[in-house]
Amino acid sequence: MKSPKEKWWSRARKARAELEARFLHHPEVSMIDLGEDPQAASAAPVLRLHVRHRGVALAGVPKDLQGIPVRVIYGSYELQNK
């Protein structure tokens, strides 16, 4: 039998896969992950939808998926040469 923590992670991975299927094809979306809430509103990890440019309108971004909060983070990520 799965523990409550294992059940949560299973649900979170399914929610991430659903979000990826819906938005990863968008040219402004650079990444979708599970991580710390940038709004500090949730102690548990949240789904993070990383968008390259602020002001890009993504239609239909849910507030949560399967009970996991969704946050949009703006930022352009590039490799840095030292």
N, C-alpha and C. Protein backbone atom coordinates (compact mmCIF):
# COMPACT_ATOMS: atom_id res chain seq x y z
N MET A 1 0.83 -1.17 0.00
CA MET A 1 0.00 0.00 0.00
C MET A 1 0.88 1.25 0.00
N LYS A 2 0.52 2.22 -0.81
CA LYS A 2 1.30 3.45 -0.90
C LYS A 2 1.06 4.34 0.31
N SER A 3 2.12 5.00 0.75
CA SER A 3 1.99 5.96 1.85
C SER A 3 1.34 7.23 1.30
N PRO A 4 0.81 8.09 2.19
CA PRO A 4 0.23 9.35 1.72
C PRO A 4 1.22 10.19 0.91
N LYS A 5 2.49 10.15 1.30
CA LYS A 5 3.52 10.91 0.57
C LYS A 5 3.70 10.35 -0.84
N GLU A 6 3.74 9.03 -0.96
CA GLU A 6 3.87 8.39 -2.28
C GLU A 6 2.65 8.70 -3.15
N LYS A 7 1.47 8.70 -2.56
CA LYS A 7 0.25 9.02 -3.31
C LYS A 7 0.30 10.47 -3.80
N TRP A 8 0.78 11.38 -2.94
CA TRP A 8 0.88 12.79 -3.34
C TRP A 8 1.82 12.94 -4.53
N TRP A 9 3.00 12.30 -4.45
CA TRP A 9 3.98 12.42 -5.54
C TRP A 9 3.46 11.80 -6.83
N SER A 10 2.74 10.71 -6.72
CA SER A 10 2.14 10.10 -7.90
C SER A 10 1.15 11.05 -8.56
N ARG A 11 0.31 11.67 -7.75
CA ARG A 11 -0.67 12.64 -8.25
C ARG A 11 0.04 13.85 -8.84
N ALA A 12 1.10 14.31 -8.19
CA ALA A 12 1.86 15.48 -8.67
C ALA A 12 2.52 15.19 -10.02
N ARG A 13 3.08 14.00 -10.20
CA ARG A 13 3.71 13.65 -11.47
C ARG A 13 2.67 13.57 -12.59
N LYS A 14 1.48 13.03 -12.28
CA LYS A 14 0.41 12.98 -13.28
C LYS A 14 -0.04 14.38 -13.66
N ALA A 15 -0.15 15.27 -12.67
CA ALA A 15 -0.54 16.65 -12.94
C ALA A 15 0.52 17.35 -13.79
N ARG A 16 1.81 17.10 -13.50
CA ARG A 16 2.88 17.70 -14.30
C ARG A 16 2.81 17.21 -15.74
N ALA A 17 2.57 15.93 -15.93
CA ALA A 17 2.46 15.37 -17.28
C ALA A 17 1.28 16.00 -18.03
N GLU A 18 0.18 16.22 -17.34
CA GLU A 18 -0.98 16.86 -17.96
C GLU A 18 -0.66 18.30 -18.36
N LEU A 19 0.03 19.03 -17.48
CA LEU A 19 0.41 20.41 -17.78
C LEU A 19 1.39 20.44 -18.96
N GLU A 20 2.33 19.49 -19.00
CA GLU A 20 3.27 19.41 -20.12
C GLU A 20 2.53 19.15 -21.43
N ALA A 21 1.58 18.26 -21.42
CA ALA A 21 0.82 17.95 -22.64
C ALA A 21 0.06 19.17 -23.14
N ARG A 22 -0.39 20.01 -22.23
CA ARG A 22 -1.17 21.19 -22.60
C ARG A 22 -0.33 22.38 -23.01
N PHE A 23 0.88 22.56 -22.43
CA PHE A 23 1.60 23.81 -22.62
C PHE A 23 3.05 23.71 -23.10
N LEU A 24 3.67 22.55 -23.02
CA LEU A 24 5.10 22.47 -23.36
C LEU A 24 5.37 22.77 -24.84
N HIS A 25 4.37 22.61 -25.69
CA HIS A 25 4.54 22.90 -27.12
C HIS A 25 4.57 24.40 -27.41
N HIS A 26 4.10 25.22 -26.46
CA HIS A 26 4.04 26.67 -26.68
C HIS A 26 5.46 27.23 -26.77
N PRO A 27 5.76 28.06 -27.77
CA PRO A 27 7.14 28.55 -27.95
C PRO A 27 7.66 29.42 -26.80
N GLU A 28 6.77 29.98 -26.00
CA GLU A 28 7.22 30.82 -24.89
C GLU A 28 7.44 30.02 -23.59
N VAL A 29 7.02 28.78 -23.57
CA VAL A 29 7.20 27.95 -22.38
C VAL A 29 8.55 27.24 -22.47
N SER A 30 9.41 27.50 -21.48
CA SER A 30 10.75 26.90 -21.53
C SER A 30 10.86 25.64 -20.68
N MET A 31 9.99 25.51 -19.67
CA MET A 31 10.13 24.37 -18.77
C MET A 31 8.88 24.27 -17.89
N ILE A 32 8.61 23.06 -17.45
CA ILE A 32 7.55 22.81 -16.47
C ILE A 32 8.16 21.87 -15.44
N ASP A 33 8.05 22.26 -14.17
CA ASP A 33 8.63 21.42 -13.13
C ASP A 33 7.80 21.48 -11.85
N LEU A 34 8.23 20.71 -10.88
CA LEU A 34 7.66 20.73 -9.53
C LEU A 34 8.72 21.31 -8.63
N GLY A 35 8.35 22.30 -7.82
CA GLY A 35 9.34 22.89 -6.95
C GLY A 35 8.73 23.82 -5.92
N GLU A 36 9.60 24.55 -5.25
CA GLU A 36 9.20 25.47 -4.19
C GLU A 36 8.27 26.55 -4.74
N ASP A 37 7.26 26.88 -3.96
CA ASP A 37 6.29 27.89 -4.36
C ASP A 37 6.92 29.28 -4.33
N PRO A 38 7.02 29.97 -5.48
CA PRO A 38 7.62 31.31 -5.49
C PRO A 38 6.78 32.32 -4.72
N GLN A 39 5.51 32.01 -4.50
CA GLN A 39 4.63 32.90 -3.74
C GLN A 39 4.63 32.56 -2.25
N ALA A 40 5.31 31.49 -1.88
CA ALA A 40 5.39 31.02 -0.50
C ALA A 40 4.00 30.80 0.12
N ALA A 41 3.03 30.46 -0.72
CA ALA A 41 1.67 30.22 -0.23
C ALA A 41 1.44 28.74 0.08
N SER A 42 2.32 27.87 -0.41
CA SER A 42 2.17 26.44 -0.21
C SER A 42 3.47 25.87 0.35
N ALA A 43 3.33 25.09 1.41
CA ALA A 43 4.50 24.43 1.99
C ALA A 43 4.94 23.25 1.12
N ALA A 44 3.98 22.66 0.42
CA ALA A 44 4.28 21.53 -0.48
C ALA A 44 4.75 22.07 -1.82
N PRO A 45 5.48 21.28 -2.59
CA PRO A 45 5.88 21.71 -3.93
C PRO A 45 4.66 22.04 -4.80
N VAL A 46 4.88 22.94 -5.75
CA VAL A 46 3.84 23.36 -6.69
C VAL A 46 4.31 23.07 -8.11
N LEU A 47 3.38 23.06 -9.05
CA LEU A 47 3.73 22.98 -10.47
C LEU A 47 4.16 24.36 -10.92
N ARG A 48 5.31 24.43 -11.59
CA ARG A 48 5.81 25.73 -12.04
C ARG A 48 5.92 25.72 -13.56
N LEU A 49 5.24 26.66 -14.16
CA LEU A 49 5.21 26.83 -15.61
C LEU A 49 6.13 28.01 -15.93
N HIS A 50 7.29 27.73 -16.49
CA HIS A 50 8.29 28.76 -16.77
C HIS A 50 8.05 29.35 -18.16
N VAL A 51 7.82 30.67 -18.20
CA VAL A 51 7.51 31.38 -19.44
C VAL A 51 8.63 32.38 -19.71
N ARG A 52 9.08 32.45 -20.95
CA ARG A 52 10.24 33.26 -21.31
C ARG A 52 10.04 34.77 -21.13
N HIS A 53 8.89 35.30 -21.49
CA HIS A 53 8.69 36.75 -21.46
C HIS A 53 7.45 37.13 -20.66
N ARG A 54 7.61 38.10 -19.78
CA ARG A 54 6.49 38.63 -19.00
C ARG A 54 5.48 39.25 -19.97
N GLY A 55 4.24 39.08 -19.67
CA GLY A 55 3.19 39.66 -20.50
C GLY A 55 2.67 38.72 -21.58
N VAL A 56 3.29 37.56 -21.72
CA VAL A 56 2.80 36.58 -22.69
C VAL A 56 1.51 35.99 -22.13
N ALA A 57 0.47 36.02 -22.94
CA ALA A 57 -0.82 35.49 -22.50
C ALA A 57 -0.91 34.01 -22.86
N LEU A 58 -1.01 33.17 -21.86
CA LEU A 58 -1.23 31.75 -22.08
C LEU A 58 -2.67 31.46 -21.67
N ALA A 59 -3.50 31.17 -22.63
CA ALA A 59 -4.91 30.91 -22.35
C ALA A 59 -5.08 29.57 -21.65
N GLY A 60 -5.93 29.56 -20.65
CA GLY A 60 -6.31 28.31 -20.02
C GLY A 60 -5.38 27.76 -18.97
N VAL A 61 -4.46 28.58 -18.43
CA VAL A 61 -3.59 28.07 -17.36
C VAL A 61 -4.45 27.89 -16.11
N PRO A 62 -4.53 26.67 -15.60
CA PRO A 62 -5.37 26.42 -14.43
C PRO A 62 -4.71 26.93 -13.15
N LYS A 63 -5.51 27.18 -12.14
CA LYS A 63 -4.99 27.59 -10.82
C LYS A 63 -4.38 26.38 -10.11
N ASP A 64 -4.92 25.19 -10.42
CA ASP A 64 -4.34 23.97 -9.89
C ASP A 64 -4.75 22.80 -10.79
N LEU A 65 -4.00 21.72 -10.68
CA LEU A 65 -4.29 20.47 -11.38
C LEU A 65 -4.22 19.35 -10.36
N GLN A 66 -5.28 18.58 -10.27
CA GLN A 66 -5.36 17.46 -9.33
C GLN A 66 -4.98 17.89 -7.91
N GLY A 67 -5.36 19.12 -7.56
CA GLY A 67 -5.09 19.63 -6.22
C GLY A 67 -3.70 20.20 -6.01
N ILE A 68 -2.88 20.21 -7.06
CA ILE A 68 -1.53 20.75 -6.97
C ILE A 68 -1.57 22.17 -7.54
N PRO A 69 -1.21 23.22 -6.76
CA PRO A 69 -1.23 24.59 -7.28
C PRO A 69 -0.30 24.76 -8.47
N VAL A 70 -0.70 25.63 -9.40
CA VAL A 70 0.10 25.96 -10.58
C VAL A 70 0.57 27.40 -10.47
N ARG A 71 1.85 27.64 -10.67
CA ARG A 71 2.40 28.99 -10.65
C ARG A 71 3.09 29.26 -11.98
N VAL A 72 2.94 30.49 -12.50
CA VAL A 72 3.65 30.91 -13.71
C VAL A 72 4.84 31.73 -13.26
N ILE A 73 6.02 31.36 -13.76
CA ILE A 73 7.27 32.06 -13.46
C ILE A 73 7.82 32.60 -14.76
N TYR A 74 8.18 33.89 -14.75
CA TYR A 74 8.73 34.50 -15.95
C TYR A 74 10.24 34.57 -15.84
N GLY A 75 10.92 34.21 -16.91
CA GLY A 75 12.37 34.28 -16.94
C GLY A 75 12.92 33.64 -18.20
N SER A 76 13.96 34.24 -18.73
CA SER A 76 14.63 33.69 -19.90
C SER A 76 15.91 33.03 -19.41
N TYR A 77 16.02 31.73 -19.60
CA TYR A 77 17.16 30.99 -19.10
C TYR A 77 18.14 30.72 -20.24
N GLU A 78 19.40 31.04 -20.00
CA GLU A 78 20.42 30.83 -21.02
C GLU A 78 21.66 30.26 -20.33
N LEU A 79 22.44 29.50 -21.09
CA LEU A 79 23.71 29.00 -20.57
C LEU A 79 24.66 30.16 -20.39
N GLN A 80 25.42 30.12 -19.32
CA GLN A 80 26.40 31.18 -19.07
C GLN A 80 27.79 30.63 -19.31
N ASN A 81 28.62 31.40 -19.99
CA ASN A 81 30.03 31.06 -20.19
C ASN A 81 30.84 31.80 -19.15
N LYS A 82 31.74 31.08 -18.51
CA LYS A 82 32.57 31.74 -17.48
C LYS A 82 33.89 32.16 -18.05
